[in-house]
Full PDB file with SEQRES, HELIX, SHEET, SSBOND, CRYST1, ORIGX, SCALE, CONECT and MASTER records, all heavy atoms in Angstrom:
SEQRES   1 A   36  LYS PRO GLU GLU THR ALA ILE TYR PHE CYS ASN VAL LYS          
SEQRES   2 A   36  GLY VAL THR ASP PRO THR ALA ASP SER ARG ASP TYR TRP          
SEQRES   3 A   36  GLY GLN GLY THR GLN VAL THR VAL SER SER                      
HELIX    1 AA1 PRO A    2  GLU A    4  5                                   3    
SHEET    1 AA1 2 ALA A   6  TYR A   8  0                                        
SHEET    2 AA1 2 THR A  30  VAL A  32 -1                                        
SHEET    1 AA2 2 ASN A  11  GLY A  14  0                                        
SHEET    2 AA2 2 ARG A  23  TRP A  26 -1                                        
CRYST1    1.000    1.000    1.000  90.00  90.00  90.00 P 1           1          
ORIGX1      1.000000  0.000000  0.000000        0.00000                         
ORIGX2      0.000000  1.000000  0.000000        0.00000                         
ORIGX3      0.000000  0.000000  1.000000        0.00000                         
SCALE1      1.000000  0.000000  0.000000        0.00000                         
SCALE2      0.000000  1.000000  0.000000        0.00000                         
SCALE3      0.000000  0.000000  1.000000        0.00000                         
ATOM      1  N   LYS A   1      89.891 110.189 119.313  1.00  0.00           N  
ATOM      2  CA  LYS A   1      90.123 111.642 119.280  1.00  0.00           C  
ATOM      3  C   LYS A   1      90.616 112.104 117.890  1.00  0.00           C  
ATOM      4  O   LYS A   1      91.326 111.336 117.205  1.00  0.00           O  
ATOM      5  CB  LYS A   1      91.184 112.098 120.300  1.00  0.00           C  
ATOM      6  CG  LYS A   1      90.786 111.655 121.688  1.00  0.00           C  
ATOM      7  CD  LYS A   1      91.938 111.950 122.723  1.00  0.00           C  
ATOM      8  CE  LYS A   1      91.584 111.524 124.100  1.00  0.00           C  
ATOM      9  NZ  LYS A   1      92.749 111.801 125.048  1.00  0.00           N  
ATOM     10  N   PRO A   2      90.304 113.306 117.452  1.00  0.00           N  
ATOM     11  CA  PRO A   2      90.785 113.768 116.164  1.00  0.00           C  
ATOM     12  C   PRO A   2      92.296 113.680 115.981  1.00  0.00           C  
ATOM     13  O   PRO A   2      92.826 113.419 114.885  1.00  0.00           O  
ATOM     14  CB  PRO A   2      90.284 115.184 116.078  1.00  0.00           C  
ATOM     15  CG  PRO A   2      89.090 115.207 116.961  1.00  0.00           C  
ATOM     16  CD  PRO A   2      89.336 114.291 118.053  1.00  0.00           C  
ATOM     17  N   GLU A   3      93.031 113.929 117.106  1.00  0.00           N  
ATOM     18  CA  GLU A   3      94.511 113.833 117.033  1.00  0.00           C  
ATOM     19  C   GLU A   3      95.045 112.482 116.716  1.00  0.00           C  
ATOM     20  O   GLU A   3      96.159 112.262 116.462  1.00  0.00           O  
ATOM     21  CB  GLU A   3      95.100 114.279 118.357  1.00  0.00           C  
ATOM     22  CG  GLU A   3      94.520 115.575 119.001  1.00  0.00           C  
ATOM     23  CD  GLU A   3      93.281 115.257 119.836  1.00  0.00           C  
ATOM     24  OE1 GLU A   3      93.494 114.944 121.009  1.00  0.00           O  
ATOM     25  OE2 GLU A   3      92.190 115.436 119.336  1.00  0.00           O  
ATOM     26  N   GLU A   4      94.108 111.472 116.800  1.00  0.00           N  
ATOM     27  CA  GLU A   4      94.590 110.111 116.544  1.00  0.00           C  
ATOM     28  C   GLU A   4      94.331 109.665 115.061  1.00  0.00           C  
ATOM     29  O   GLU A   4      94.525 108.515 114.717  1.00  0.00           O  
ATOM     30  CB  GLU A   4      93.851 109.107 117.477  1.00  0.00           C  
ATOM     31  CG  GLU A   4      94.387 109.362 118.869  1.00  0.00           C  
ATOM     32  CD  GLU A   4      93.556 108.599 119.959  1.00  0.00           C  
ATOM     33  OE1 GLU A   4      92.375 108.574 119.921  1.00  0.00           O  
ATOM     34  OE2 GLU A   4      94.240 108.080 120.884  1.00  0.00           O  
ATOM     35  N   THR A   5      93.974 110.649 114.209  1.00  0.00           N  
ATOM     36  CA  THR A   5      93.938 110.380 112.812  1.00  0.00           C  
ATOM     37  C   THR A   5      95.363 110.084 112.294  1.00  0.00           C  
ATOM     38  O   THR A   5      96.291 110.869 112.596  1.00  0.00           O  
ATOM     39  CB  THR A   5      93.439 111.625 112.023  1.00  0.00           C  
ATOM     40  OG1 THR A   5      92.070 111.810 112.367  1.00  0.00           O  
ATOM     41  CG2 THR A   5      93.586 111.460 110.587  1.00  0.00           C  
ATOM     42  N   ALA A   6      95.531 108.971 111.693  1.00  0.00           N  
ATOM     43  CA  ALA A   6      96.853 108.427 111.386  1.00  0.00           C  
ATOM     44  C   ALA A   6      96.745 107.248 110.453  1.00  0.00           C  
ATOM     45  O   ALA A   6      95.677 106.631 110.334  1.00  0.00           O  
ATOM     46  CB  ALA A   6      97.670 108.115 112.556  1.00  0.00           C  
ATOM     47  N   ILE A   7      97.791 106.838 109.888  1.00  0.00           N  
ATOM     48  CA  ILE A   7      97.999 105.461 109.272  1.00  0.00           C  
ATOM     49  C   ILE A   7      98.423 104.590 110.338  1.00  0.00           C  
ATOM     50  O   ILE A   7      99.482 104.848 111.044  1.00  0.00           O  
ATOM     51  CB  ILE A   7      98.910 105.514 108.074  1.00  0.00           C  
ATOM     52  CG1 ILE A   7      98.471 106.499 106.990  1.00  0.00           C  
ATOM     53  CG2 ILE A   7      99.020 104.103 107.457  1.00  0.00           C  
ATOM     54  CD1 ILE A   7      99.436 106.646 105.866  1.00  0.00           C  
ATOM     55  N   TYR A   8      97.727 103.442 110.507  1.00  0.00           N  
ATOM     56  CA  TYR A   8      98.079 102.497 111.545  1.00  0.00           C  
ATOM     57  C   TYR A   8      98.745 101.278 110.836  1.00  0.00           C  
ATOM     58  O   TYR A   8      98.160 100.669 109.889  1.00  0.00           O  
ATOM     59  CB  TYR A   8      96.856 102.036 112.288  1.00  0.00           C  
ATOM     60  CG  TYR A   8      96.361 103.111 113.273  1.00  0.00           C  
ATOM     61  CD1 TYR A   8      95.841 104.353 112.864  1.00  0.00           C  
ATOM     62  CD2 TYR A   8      96.441 102.881 114.670  1.00  0.00           C  
ATOM     63  CE1 TYR A   8      95.432 105.282 113.767  1.00  0.00           C  
ATOM     64  CE2 TYR A   8      95.998 103.818 115.570  1.00  0.00           C  
ATOM     65  CZ  TYR A   8      95.539 105.080 115.165  1.00  0.00           C  
ATOM     66  OH  TYR A   8      95.112 106.052 116.027  1.00  0.00           O  
ATOM     67  N   PHE A   9      99.878 100.971 111.354  1.00  0.00           N  
ATOM     68  CA  PHE A   9     100.757  99.877 110.821  1.00  0.00           C  
ATOM     69  C   PHE A   9     100.782  98.655 111.723  1.00  0.00           C  
ATOM     70  O   PHE A   9     101.213  98.759 112.919  1.00  0.00           O  
ATOM     71  CB  PHE A   9     102.127 100.339 110.503  1.00  0.00           C  
ATOM     72  CG  PHE A   9     102.274 101.427 109.469  1.00  0.00           C  
ATOM     73  CD1 PHE A   9     102.219 102.741 109.830  1.00  0.00           C  
ATOM     74  CD2 PHE A   9     102.315 101.106 108.063  1.00  0.00           C  
ATOM     75  CE1 PHE A   9     102.323 103.698 108.868  1.00  0.00           C  
ATOM     76  CE2 PHE A   9     102.445 102.076 107.144  1.00  0.00           C  
ATOM     77  CZ  PHE A   9     102.432 103.431 107.475  1.00  0.00           C  
ATOM     78  N   CYS A  10     100.473  97.494 111.272  1.00  0.00           N  
ATOM     79  CA  CYS A  10     100.685  96.326 111.985  1.00  0.00           C  
ATOM     80  C   CYS A  10     102.201  95.934 111.960  1.00  0.00           C  
ATOM     81  O   CYS A  10     102.871  96.094 110.978  1.00  0.00           O  
ATOM     82  CB  CYS A  10      99.902  95.129 111.341  1.00  0.00           C  
ATOM     83  SG  CYS A  10     100.060  93.585 112.236  1.00  0.00           S  
ATOM     84  N   ASN A  11     102.648  95.386 113.056  1.00  0.00           N  
ATOM     85  CA  ASN A  11     104.093  95.028 113.211  1.00  0.00           C  
ATOM     86  C   ASN A  11     104.198  93.687 113.899  1.00  0.00           C  
ATOM     87  O   ASN A  11     103.487  93.487 114.857  1.00  0.00           O  
ATOM     88  CB  ASN A  11     104.898  96.089 114.024  1.00  0.00           C  
ATOM     89  CG  ASN A  11     106.274  95.707 114.336  1.00  0.00           C  
ATOM     90  OD1 ASN A  11     106.583  95.089 115.385  1.00  0.00           O  
ATOM     91  ND2 ASN A  11     107.187  95.969 113.370  1.00  0.00           N  
ATOM     92  N   VAL A  12     104.987  92.815 113.399  1.00  0.00           N  
ATOM     93  CA  VAL A  12     105.289  91.533 113.984  1.00  0.00           C  
ATOM     94  C   VAL A  12     106.756  91.355 114.258  1.00  0.00           C  
ATOM     95  O   VAL A  12     107.574  91.642 113.313  1.00  0.00           O  
ATOM     96  CB  VAL A  12     104.764  90.347 113.034  1.00  0.00           C  
ATOM     97  CG1 VAL A  12     105.280  89.017 113.575  1.00  0.00           C  
ATOM     98  CG2 VAL A  12     103.238  90.365 113.017  1.00  0.00           C  
ATOM     99  N   LYS A  13     107.142  90.884 115.384  1.00  0.00           N  
ATOM    100  CA  LYS A  13     108.489  90.549 115.719  1.00  0.00           C  
ATOM    101  C   LYS A  13     108.548  89.054 115.775  1.00  0.00           C  
ATOM    102  O   LYS A  13     107.946  88.417 116.599  1.00  0.00           O  
ATOM    103  CB  LYS A  13     108.889  91.188 117.050  1.00  0.00           C  
ATOM    104  CG  LYS A  13     108.699  92.699 117.040  1.00  0.00           C  
ATOM    105  CD  LYS A  13     109.090  93.333 118.365  1.00  0.00           C  
ATOM    106  CE  LYS A  13     108.813  94.851 118.353  1.00  0.00           C  
ATOM    107  NZ  LYS A  13     109.401  95.591 117.297  1.00  0.00           N  
ATOM    108  N   GLY A  14     109.374  88.441 114.939  1.00  0.00           N  
ATOM    109  CA  GLY A  14     109.498  86.983 114.896  1.00  0.00           C  
ATOM    110  C   GLY A  14     110.588  86.567 114.012  1.00  0.00           C  
ATOM    111  O   GLY A  14     111.425  87.310 113.550  1.00  0.00           O  
ATOM    112  N   VAL A  15     110.570  85.220 113.698  1.00  0.00           N  
ATOM    113  CA  VAL A  15     111.608  84.659 112.860  1.00  0.00           C  
ATOM    114  C   VAL A  15     110.953  83.600 111.856  1.00  0.00           C  
ATOM    115  O   VAL A  15     109.957  83.016 112.134  1.00  0.00           O  
ATOM    116  CB  VAL A  15     112.658  83.837 113.699  1.00  0.00           C  
ATOM    117  CG1 VAL A  15     113.417  84.831 114.591  1.00  0.00           C  
ATOM    118  CG2 VAL A  15     111.972  82.774 114.523  1.00  0.00           C  
ATOM    119  N   THR A  16     111.583  83.521 110.647  1.00  0.00           N  
ATOM    120  CA  THR A  16     111.268  82.370 109.728  1.00  0.00           C  
ATOM    121  C   THR A  16     112.295  81.334 109.855  1.00  0.00           C  
ATOM    122  O   THR A  16     111.939  80.216 109.414  1.00  0.00           O  
ATOM    123  CB  THR A  16     111.286  82.978 108.329  1.00  0.00           C  
ATOM    124  OG1 THR A  16     112.447  83.621 107.950  1.00  0.00           O  
ATOM    125  CG2 THR A  16     110.094  84.078 108.164  1.00  0.00           C  
ATOM    126  N   ASP A  17     113.447  81.620 110.368  1.00  0.00           N  
ATOM    127  CA  ASP A  17     114.475  80.627 110.606  1.00  0.00           C  
ATOM    128  C   ASP A  17     114.724  80.524 112.137  1.00  0.00           C  
ATOM    129  O   ASP A  17     115.055  81.471 112.773  1.00  0.00           O  
ATOM    130  CB  ASP A  17     115.699  81.062 109.920  1.00  0.00           C  
ATOM    131  CG  ASP A  17     116.931  80.099 110.006  1.00  0.00           C  
ATOM    132  OD1 ASP A  17     116.855  79.216 110.933  1.00  0.00           O  
ATOM    133  OD2 ASP A  17     117.885  80.261 109.304  1.00  0.00           O  
ATOM    134  N   PRO A  18     114.567  79.394 112.661  1.00  0.00           N  
ATOM    135  CA  PRO A  18     114.705  79.205 114.168  1.00  0.00           C  
ATOM    136  C   PRO A  18     116.115  79.450 114.645  1.00  0.00           C  
ATOM    137  O   PRO A  18     116.283  79.629 115.891  1.00  0.00           O  
ATOM    138  CB  PRO A  18     114.308  77.770 114.452  1.00  0.00           C  
ATOM    139  CG  PRO A  18     114.547  76.980 113.182  1.00  0.00           C  
ATOM    140  CD  PRO A  18     114.141  78.060 112.105  1.00  0.00           C  
ATOM    141  N   THR A  19     117.099  79.492 113.816  1.00  0.00           N  
ATOM    142  CA  THR A  19     118.516  79.851 114.267  1.00  0.00           C  
ATOM    143  C   THR A  19     118.806  81.313 114.162  1.00  0.00           C  
ATOM    144  O   THR A  19     119.851  81.730 114.574  1.00  0.00           O  
ATOM    145  CB  THR A  19     119.487  79.106 113.348  1.00  0.00           C  
ATOM    146  OG1 THR A  19     119.393  79.563 112.003  1.00  0.00           O  
ATOM    147  CG2 THR A  19     119.169  77.561 113.297  1.00  0.00           C  
ATOM    148  N   ALA A  20     117.854  82.080 113.576  1.00  0.00           N  
ATOM    149  CA  ALA A  20     118.173  83.551 113.400  1.00  0.00           C  
ATOM    150  C   ALA A  20     117.632  84.372 114.506  1.00  0.00           C  
ATOM    151  O   ALA A  20     116.836  83.960 115.357  1.00  0.00           O  
ATOM    152  CB  ALA A  20     117.529  83.964 112.151  1.00  0.00           C  
ATOM    153  N   ASP A  21     118.141  85.658 114.560  1.00  0.00           N  
ATOM    154  CA  ASP A  21     117.634  86.620 115.495  1.00  0.00           C  
ATOM    155  C   ASP A  21     116.250  87.119 115.003  1.00  0.00           C  
ATOM    156  O   ASP A  21     115.924  87.079 113.840  1.00  0.00           O  
ATOM    157  CB  ASP A  21     118.574  87.822 115.637  1.00  0.00           C  
ATOM    158  CG  ASP A  21     119.920  87.468 116.258  1.00  0.00           C  
ATOM    159  OD1 ASP A  21     119.877  86.533 117.148  1.00  0.00           O  
ATOM    160  OD2 ASP A  21     120.861  88.108 116.008  1.00  0.00           O  
ATOM    161  N   SER A  22     115.496  87.641 115.946  1.00  0.00           N  
ATOM    162  CA  SER A  22     114.177  88.209 115.641  1.00  0.00           C  
ATOM    163  C   SER A  22     114.375  89.446 114.761  1.00  0.00           C  
ATOM    164  O   SER A  22     115.314  90.141 114.879  1.00  0.00           O  
ATOM    165  CB  SER A  22     113.457  88.625 116.948  1.00  0.00           C  
ATOM    166  OG  SER A  22     112.206  89.188 116.679  1.00  0.00           O  
ATOM    167  N   ARG A  23     113.323  89.633 113.858  1.00  0.00           N  
ATOM    168  CA  ARG A  23     113.316  90.755 112.987  1.00  0.00           C  
ATOM    169  C   ARG A  23     111.819  91.302 112.923  1.00  0.00           C  
ATOM    170  O   ARG A  23     110.911  90.681 113.332  1.00  0.00           O  
ATOM    171  CB  ARG A  23     113.793  90.489 111.571  1.00  0.00           C  
ATOM    172  CG  ARG A  23     113.073  89.467 110.860  1.00  0.00           C  
ATOM    173  CD  ARG A  23     113.202  89.556 109.409  1.00  0.00           C  
ATOM    174  NE  ARG A  23     112.476  90.743 108.932  1.00  0.00           N  
ATOM    175  CZ  ARG A  23     112.328  91.161 107.636  1.00  0.00           C  
ATOM    176  NH1 ARG A  23     113.084  90.524 106.741  1.00  0.00           N  
ATOM    177  NH2 ARG A  23     111.643  92.198 107.329  1.00  0.00           N  
ATOM    178  N   ASP A  24     111.698  92.497 112.373  1.00  0.00           N  
ATOM    179  CA  ASP A  24     110.373  93.173 112.255  1.00  0.00           C  
ATOM    180  C   ASP A  24     109.786  92.938 110.826  1.00  0.00           C  
ATOM    181  O   ASP A  24     110.482  92.971 109.802  1.00  0.00           O  
ATOM    182  CB  ASP A  24     110.519  94.677 112.460  1.00  0.00           C  
ATOM    183  CG  ASP A  24     110.815  94.988 113.861  1.00  0.00           C  
ATOM    184  OD1 ASP A  24     110.059  94.596 114.735  1.00  0.00           O  
ATOM    185  OD2 ASP A  24     111.748  95.715 114.150  1.00  0.00           O  
ATOM    186  N   TYR A  25     108.534  92.653 110.874  1.00  0.00           N  
ATOM    187  CA  TYR A  25     107.737  92.559 109.651  1.00  0.00           C  
ATOM    188  C   TYR A  25     106.600  93.551 109.681  1.00  0.00           C  
ATOM    189  O   TYR A  25     106.017  93.842 110.788  1.00  0.00           O  
ATOM    190  CB  TYR A  25     107.134  91.125 109.436  1.00  0.00           C  
ATOM    191  CG  TYR A  25     108.139  90.096 109.381  1.00  0.00           C  
ATOM    192  CD1 TYR A  25     108.622  89.455 110.507  1.00  0.00           C  
ATOM    193  CD2 TYR A  25     108.728  89.772 108.152  1.00  0.00           C  
ATOM    194  CE1 TYR A  25     109.584  88.460 110.444  1.00  0.00           C  
ATOM    195  CE2 TYR A  25     109.721  88.738 108.094  1.00  0.00           C  
ATOM    196  CZ  TYR A  25     110.159  88.132 109.218  1.00  0.00           C  
ATOM    197  OH  TYR A  25     111.127  87.142 109.184  1.00  0.00           O  
ATOM    198  N   TRP A  26     106.249  94.190 108.578  1.00  0.00           N  
ATOM    199  CA  TRP A  26     105.353  95.353 108.566  1.00  0.00           C  
ATOM    200  C   TRP A  26     104.162  95.124 107.566  1.00  0.00           C  
ATOM    201  O   TRP A  26     104.387  94.593 106.496  1.00  0.00           O  
ATOM    202  CB  TRP A  26     106.006  96.581 108.088  1.00  0.00           C  
ATOM    203  CG  TRP A  26     107.102  97.080 109.067  1.00  0.00           C  
ATOM    204  CD1 TRP A  26     108.426  96.722 109.093  1.00  0.00           C  
ATOM    205  CD2 TRP A  26     106.809  97.880 110.238  1.00  0.00           C  
ATOM    206  NE1 TRP A  26     109.026  97.396 110.166  1.00  0.00           N  
ATOM    207  CE2 TRP A  26     108.052  98.048 110.865  1.00  0.00           C  
ATOM    208  CE3 TRP A  26     105.745  98.501 110.774  1.00  0.00           C  
ATOM    209  CZ2 TRP A  26     108.213  98.810 112.002  1.00  0.00           C  
ATOM    210  CZ3 TRP A  26     105.851  99.342 111.891  1.00  0.00           C  
ATOM    211  CH2 TRP A  26     107.074  99.461 112.519  1.00  0.00           C  
ATOM    212  N   GLY A  27     102.996  95.515 108.018  1.00  0.00           N  
ATOM    213  CA  GLY A  27     101.782  95.573 107.087  1.00  0.00           C  
ATOM    214  C   GLY A  27     101.904  96.821 106.249  1.00  0.00           C  
ATOM    215  O   GLY A  27     102.811  97.784 106.459  1.00  0.00           O  
ATOM    216  N   GLN A  28     101.004  97.056 105.293  1.00  0.00           N  
ATOM    217  CA  GLN A  28     101.028  98.206 104.442  1.00  0.00           C  
ATOM    218  C   GLN A  28     100.349  99.373 105.093  1.00  0.00           C  
ATOM    219  O   GLN A  28     100.548 100.500 104.543  1.00  0.00           O  
ATOM    220  CB  GLN A  28     100.279  97.829 103.111  1.00  0.00           C  
ATOM    221  CG  GLN A  28     100.985  96.817 102.314  1.00  0.00           C  
ATOM    222  CD  GLN A  28     102.307  97.317 101.873  1.00  0.00           C  
ATOM    223  OE1 GLN A  28     102.448  98.313 101.202  1.00  0.00           O  
ATOM    224  NE2 GLN A  28     103.354  96.461 102.169  1.00  0.00           N  
ATOM    225  N   GLY A  29      99.611  99.278 106.134  1.00  0.00           N  
ATOM    226  CA  GLY A  29      99.035 100.310 106.812  1.00  0.00           C  
ATOM    227  C   GLY A  29      97.529 100.437 106.469  1.00  0.00           C  
ATOM    228  O   GLY A  29      97.159 100.139 105.329  1.00  0.00           O  
ATOM    229  N   THR A  30      96.725 100.856 107.406  1.00  0.00           N  
ATOM    230  CA  THR A  30      95.304 101.170 107.237  1.00  0.00           C  
ATOM    231  C   THR A  30      94.995 102.595 107.796  1.00  0.00           C  
ATOM    232  O   THR A  30      95.445 102.906 108.881  1.00  0.00           O  
ATOM    233  CB  THR A  30      94.432 100.036 107.788  1.00  0.00           C  
ATOM    234  OG1 THR A  30      93.069 100.314 107.493  1.00  0.00           O  
ATOM    235  CG2 THR A  30      94.593  99.966 109.297  1.00  0.00           C  
ATOM    236  N   GLN A  31      94.249 103.340 107.005  1.00  0.00           N  
ATOM    237  CA  GLN A  31      93.990 104.710 107.405  1.00  0.00           C  
ATOM    238  C   GLN A  31      92.818 104.781 108.372  1.00  0.00           C  
ATOM    239  O   GLN A  31      91.763 104.171 108.219  1.00  0.00           O  
ATOM    240  CB  GLN A  31      93.575 105.532 106.152  1.00  0.00           C  
ATOM    241  CG  GLN A  31      93.197 106.968 106.466  1.00  0.00           C  
ATOM    242  CD  GLN A  31      94.375 107.841 106.863  1.00  0.00           C  
ATOM    243  OE1 GLN A  31      95.437 107.757 106.293  1.00  0.00           O  
ATOM    244  NE2 GLN A  31      94.192 108.597 107.986  1.00  0.00           N  
ATOM    245  N   VAL A  32      93.073 105.522 109.500  1.00  0.00           N  
ATOM    246  CA  VAL A  32      92.015 105.821 110.505  1.00  0.00           C  
ATOM    247  C   VAL A  32      91.857 107.345 110.467  1.00  0.00           C  
ATOM    248  O   VAL A  32      92.824 108.120 110.731  1.00  0.00           O  
ATOM    249  CB  VAL A  32      92.366 105.340 111.883  1.00  0.00           C  
ATOM    250  CG1 VAL A  32      91.487 105.824 112.901  1.00  0.00           C  
ATOM    251  CG2 VAL A  32      92.424 103.773 111.938  1.00  0.00           C  
ATOM    252  N   THR A  33      90.663 107.764 110.257  1.00  0.00           N  
ATOM    253  CA  THR A  33      90.311 109.234 110.202  1.00  0.00           C  
ATOM    254  C   THR A  33      89.226 109.514 111.274  1.00  0.00           C  
ATOM    255  O   THR A  33      88.166 108.908 111.210  1.00  0.00           O  
ATOM    256  CB  THR A  33      89.902 109.681 108.843  1.00  0.00           C  
ATOM    257  OG1 THR A  33      90.869 109.397 107.865  1.00  0.00           O  
ATOM    258  CG2 THR A  33      89.585 111.198 108.837  1.00  0.00           C  
ATOM    259  N   VAL A  34      89.537 110.379 112.213  1.00  0.00           N  
ATOM    260  CA  VAL A  34      88.582 110.722 113.226  1.00  0.00           C  
ATOM    261  C   VAL A  34      88.205 112.207 113.062  1.00  0.00           C  
ATOM    262  O   VAL A  34      89.060 113.108 113.237  1.00  0.00           O  
ATOM    263  CB  VAL A  34      89.285 110.594 114.692  1.00  0.00           C  
ATOM    264  CG1 VAL A  34      88.163 110.819 115.728  1.00  0.00           C  
ATOM    265  CG2 VAL A  34      89.847 109.165 114.840  1.00  0.00           C  
ATOM    266  N   SER A  35      86.977 112.402 112.607  1.00  0.00           N  
ATOM    267  CA  SER A  35      86.558 113.762 112.203  1.00  0.00           C  
ATOM    268  C   SER A  35      85.103 113.926 112.310  1.00  0.00           C  
ATOM    269  O   SER A  35      84.307 112.978 112.159  1.00  0.00           O  
ATOM    270  CB  SER A  35      87.039 114.081 110.763  1.00  0.00           C  
ATOM    271  OG  SER A  35      86.586 115.330 110.342  1.00  0.00           O  
ATOM    272  N   SER A  36      84.615 115.162 112.646  1.00  0.00           N  
ATOM    273  CA  SER A  36      83.265 115.501 112.631  1.00  0.00           C  
ATOM    274  C   SER A  36      82.684 115.781 111.214  1.00  0.00           C  
ATOM    275  O   SER A  36      81.557 115.968 111.014  1.00  0.00           O  
ATOM    276  CB  SER A  36      82.938 116.682 113.504  1.00  0.00           C  
ATOM    277  OG  SER A  36      83.312 116.449 114.859  1.00  0.00           O  
TER     278      SER A  36                                                      
MASTER        0    0    0    1    4    0    0    6  277    1    0    3          
END                                                                             
């Protein structure tokens, strides 16, 4: 739908250190444009 035009960001919840709490990692985003 046109209302879903947005930048879409990938998100990962995980750890690099097995002793640590989970944290968020983010992608740079990819543009999705819905238009006639």
